[in-house]
């Protein structure tokens, strides 16, 4: 399985992913610059990504907790998600996301 991640400089990376892993873990473990402070506990919004429009309907709906965390970021969009809340599965093979500016390791998040 693979995901495609566009970094903060606009470069797309093809990353190998394992079933059951959080998209945040895949991004972090391949060394892309993502803050991911809480490690996947949905207690911050520092793993914020923008989901490619072709993939939005293939994801489960965001939980109230996730929505609350996304309300804290200055760059939230309709296709915003926390990458720690997206679990990899065969159905998501080929998923495309872009790292949000608020997910940069040096970004300030409210």
C-alpha atoms as a PDB file:
ATOM      1  CA  UNK A   1       0.000   0.000   0.000  1.00  0.00           C
ATOM      2  CA  UNK A   2       1.101   3.538  -0.685  1.00  0.00           C
ATOM      3  CA  UNK A   3       0.059   7.065   0.152  1.00  0.00           C
ATOM      4  CA  UNK A   4       1.044  10.194  -1.727  1.00  0.00           C
ATOM      5  CA  UNK A   5       1.987  13.157   0.417  1.00  0.00           C
ATOM      6  CA  UNK A   6       2.665  16.647  -0.893  1.00  0.00           C
ATOM      7  CA  UNK A   7       5.081  18.426   1.425  1.00  0.00           C
ATOM      8  CA  UNK A   8       5.219  22.117   2.347  1.00  0.00           C
ATOM      9  CA  UNK A   9       7.389  22.827  -0.720  1.00  0.00           C
ATOM     10  CA  UNK A  10       4.892  21.267  -3.138  1.00  0.00           C
ATOM     11  CA  UNK A  11       6.890  18.061  -3.735  1.00  0.00           C
ATOM     12  CA  UNK A  12       4.888  14.826  -3.828  1.00  0.00           C
ATOM     13  CA  UNK A  13       6.295  11.791  -2.025  1.00  0.00           C
ATOM     14  CA  UNK A  14       5.159   8.188  -2.516  1.00  0.00           C
ATOM     15  CA  UNK A  15       5.299   6.482   0.876  1.00  0.00           C
ATOM     16  CA  UNK A  16       4.839   2.812   1.635  1.00  0.00           C
ATOM     17  CA  UNK A  17       2.115   2.283   4.245  1.00  0.00           C
ATOM     18  CA  UNK A  18       1.026  -0.641   6.375  1.00  0.00           C
ATOM     19  CA  UNK A  19      -2.552  -1.642   7.099  1.00  0.00           C
ATOM     20  CA  UNK A  20      -3.759  -0.352  10.450  1.00  0.00           C
ATOM     21  CA  UNK A  21      -1.134   2.389  10.682  1.00  0.00           C
ATOM     22  CA  UNK A  22      -2.225   5.973  11.138  1.00  0.00           C
ATOM     23  CA  UNK A  23      -1.434   8.204   8.161  1.00  0.00           C
ATOM     24  CA  UNK A  24       0.399  10.472  10.623  1.00  0.00           C
ATOM     25  CA  UNK A  25       2.688   7.586  11.613  1.00  0.00           C
ATOM     26  CA  UNK A  26       3.487   6.827   7.986  1.00  0.00           C
ATOM     27  CA  UNK A  27       4.319  10.472   7.260  1.00  0.00           C
ATOM     28  CA  UNK A  28       6.409  10.862  10.428  1.00  0.00           C
ATOM     29  CA  UNK A  29       8.244   7.550  10.094  1.00  0.00           C
ATOM     30  CA  UNK A  30       9.288   8.320   6.515  1.00  0.00           C
ATOM     31  CA  UNK A  31      10.887  11.511   7.791  1.00  0.00           C
ATOM     32  CA  UNK A  32       8.606  14.146   6.304  1.00  0.00           C
ATOM     33  CA  UNK A  33       8.306  17.336   8.372  1.00  0.00           C
ATOM     34  CA  UNK A  34       5.134  16.963  10.423  1.00  0.00           C
ATOM     35  CA  UNK A  35       4.797  18.157  14.012  1.00  0.00           C
ATOM     36  CA  UNK A  36       2.482  15.391  15.364  1.00  0.00           C
ATOM     37  CA  UNK A  37       2.961  16.417  18.990  1.00  0.00           C
ATOM     38  CA  UNK A  38       0.417  14.146  20.714  1.00  0.00           C
ATOM     39  CA  UNK A  39       1.457  10.972  18.886  1.00  0.00           C
ATOM     40  CA  UNK A  40      -2.018  10.135  17.607  1.00  0.00           C
ATOM     41  CA  UNK A  41      -4.216  10.765  20.644  1.00  0.00           C
ATOM     42  CA  UNK A  42      -6.367  13.401  18.890  1.00  0.00           C
ATOM     43  CA  UNK A  43      -5.267  15.865  21.559  1.00  0.00           C
ATOM     44  CA  UNK A  44      -3.769  18.487  19.240  1.00  0.00           C
ATOM     45  CA  UNK A  45      -4.008  19.487  15.586  1.00  0.00           C
ATOM     46  CA  UNK A  46      -0.355  19.347  14.621  1.00  0.00           C
ATOM     47  CA  UNK A  47      -0.799  16.496  12.109  1.00  0.00           C
ATOM     48  CA  UNK A  48      -3.275  18.509  10.029  1.00  0.00           C
ATOM     49  CA  UNK A  49      -3.478  17.541   6.341  1.00  0.00           C
ATOM     50  CA  UNK A  50      -5.614  18.461   3.368  1.00  0.00           C
ATOM     51  CA  UNK A  51      -7.206  15.399   1.744  1.00  0.00           C
ATOM     52  CA  UNK A  52      -7.341  15.315  -2.049  1.00  0.00           C
ATOM     53  CA  UNK A  53     -10.961  15.903  -3.141  1.00  0.00           C
ATOM     54  CA  UNK A  54     -11.063  12.529  -4.941  1.00  0.00           C
ATOM     55  CA  UNK A  55     -10.450  10.795  -1.596  1.00  0.00           C
ATOM     56  CA  UNK A  56     -12.664  12.749   0.797  1.00  0.00           C
ATOM     57  CA  UNK A  57     -15.726  10.517   0.374  1.00  0.00           C
ATOM     58  CA  UNK A  58     -13.650   7.371   0.915  1.00  0.00           C
ATOM     59  CA  UNK A  59     -12.727   8.363   4.478  1.00  0.00           C
ATOM     60  CA  UNK A  60     -14.896   7.824   7.538  1.00  0.00           C
ATOM     61  CA  UNK A  61     -16.457  11.024   8.851  1.00  0.00           C
ATOM     62  CA  UNK A  62     -14.455  13.073  11.314  1.00  0.00           C
ATOM     63  CA  UNK A  63     -15.426  12.564  14.952  1.00  0.00           C
ATOM     64  CA  UNK A  64     -16.583  15.441  17.149  1.00  0.00           C
ATOM     65  CA  UNK A  65     -13.194  15.287  18.906  1.00  0.00           C
ATOM     66  CA  UNK A  66     -11.361  15.651  15.596  1.00  0.00           C
ATOM     67  CA  UNK A  67     -13.618  18.526  14.526  1.00  0.00           C
ATOM     68  CA  UNK A  68     -12.927  20.277  17.847  1.00  0.00           C
ATOM     69  CA  UNK A  69      -9.173  19.973  17.309  1.00  0.00           C
ATOM     70  CA  UNK A  70      -9.430  21.240  13.718  1.00  0.00           C
ATOM     71  CA  UNK A  71     -11.295  24.296  14.999  1.00  0.00           C
ATOM     72  CA  UNK A  72      -7.994  25.312  16.645  1.00  0.00           C
ATOM     73  CA  UNK A  73      -5.965  25.632  13.432  1.00  0.00           C
ATOM     74  CA  UNK A  74      -5.858  28.871  11.426  1.00  0.00           C
ATOM     75  CA  UNK A  75      -5.737  27.144   8.038  1.00  0.00           C
ATOM     76  CA  UNK A  76      -8.705  24.742   8.293  1.00  0.00           C
ATOM     77  CA  UNK A  77     -10.500  23.940   5.014  1.00  0.00           C
ATOM     78  CA  UNK A  78     -13.430  21.721   4.012  1.00  0.00           C
ATOM     79  CA  UNK A  79     -10.961  18.927   3.200  1.00  0.00           C
ATOM     80  CA  UNK A  80      -8.984  19.239   6.459  1.00  0.00           C
ATOM     81  CA  UNK A  81      -8.366  16.130   8.537  1.00  0.00           C
ATOM     82  CA  UNK A  82      -6.047  15.063  11.307  1.00  0.00           C
ATOM     83  CA  UNK A  83      -3.781  12.443   9.812  1.00  0.00           C
ATOM     84  CA  UNK A  84      -3.685  10.591  13.143  1.00  0.00           C
ATOM     85  CA  UNK A  85      -7.391   9.845  12.724  1.00  0.00           C
ATOM     86  CA  UNK A  86      -7.032   8.176   9.314  1.00  0.00           C
ATOM     87  CA  UNK A  87      -6.179   4.487   9.599  1.00  0.00           C
ATOM     88  CA  UNK A  88      -4.652   2.828   6.569  1.00  0.00           C
ATOM     89  CA  UNK A  89      -6.588   0.038   4.880  1.00  0.00           C
ATOM     90  CA  UNK A  90      -6.625  -1.558   1.424  1.00  0.00           C
ATOM     91  CA  UNK A  91      -9.453   0.829   0.502  1.00  0.00           C
ATOM     92  CA  UNK A  92      -7.108   3.772   1.083  1.00  0.00           C
ATOM     93  CA  UNK A  93      -4.251   2.452  -1.053  1.00  0.00           C
ATOM     94  CA  UNK A  94      -3.196   5.457  -3.138  1.00  0.00           C
ATOM     95  CA  UNK A  95      -4.592   8.086  -0.723  1.00  0.00           C
ATOM     96  CA  UNK A  96      -3.382  11.606  -1.505  1.00  0.00           C
ATOM     97  CA  UNK A  97      -2.902  14.276   1.144  1.00  0.00           C
ATOM     98  CA  UNK A  98      -0.997  17.538   1.472  1.00  0.00           C
ATOM     99  CA  UNK A  99       0.693  18.725   4.642  1.00  0.00           C
ATOM    100  CA  UNK A 100      -1.043  21.817   6.006  1.00  0.00           C
ATOM    101  CA  UNK A 101       1.063  24.841   6.949  1.00  0.00           C
ATOM    102  CA  UNK A 102      -0.061  24.407  10.574  1.00  0.00           C
ATOM    103  CA  UNK A 103       1.554  20.933  10.634  1.00  0.00           C
ATOM    104  CA  UNK A 104       5.053  22.329  10.030  1.00  0.00           C
ATOM    105  CA  UNK A 105       7.377  21.533  12.924  1.00  0.00           C
ATOM    106  CA  UNK A 106       8.027  25.259  13.484  1.00  0.00           C
ATOM    107  CA  UNK A 107       4.393  26.384  13.058  1.00  0.00           C
ATOM    108  CA  UNK A 108       2.472  28.053  15.858  1.00  0.00           C
ATOM    109  CA  UNK A 109      -0.966  26.513  16.530  1.00  0.00           C
ATOM    110  CA  UNK A 110      -3.469  28.198  18.831  1.00  0.00           C
END
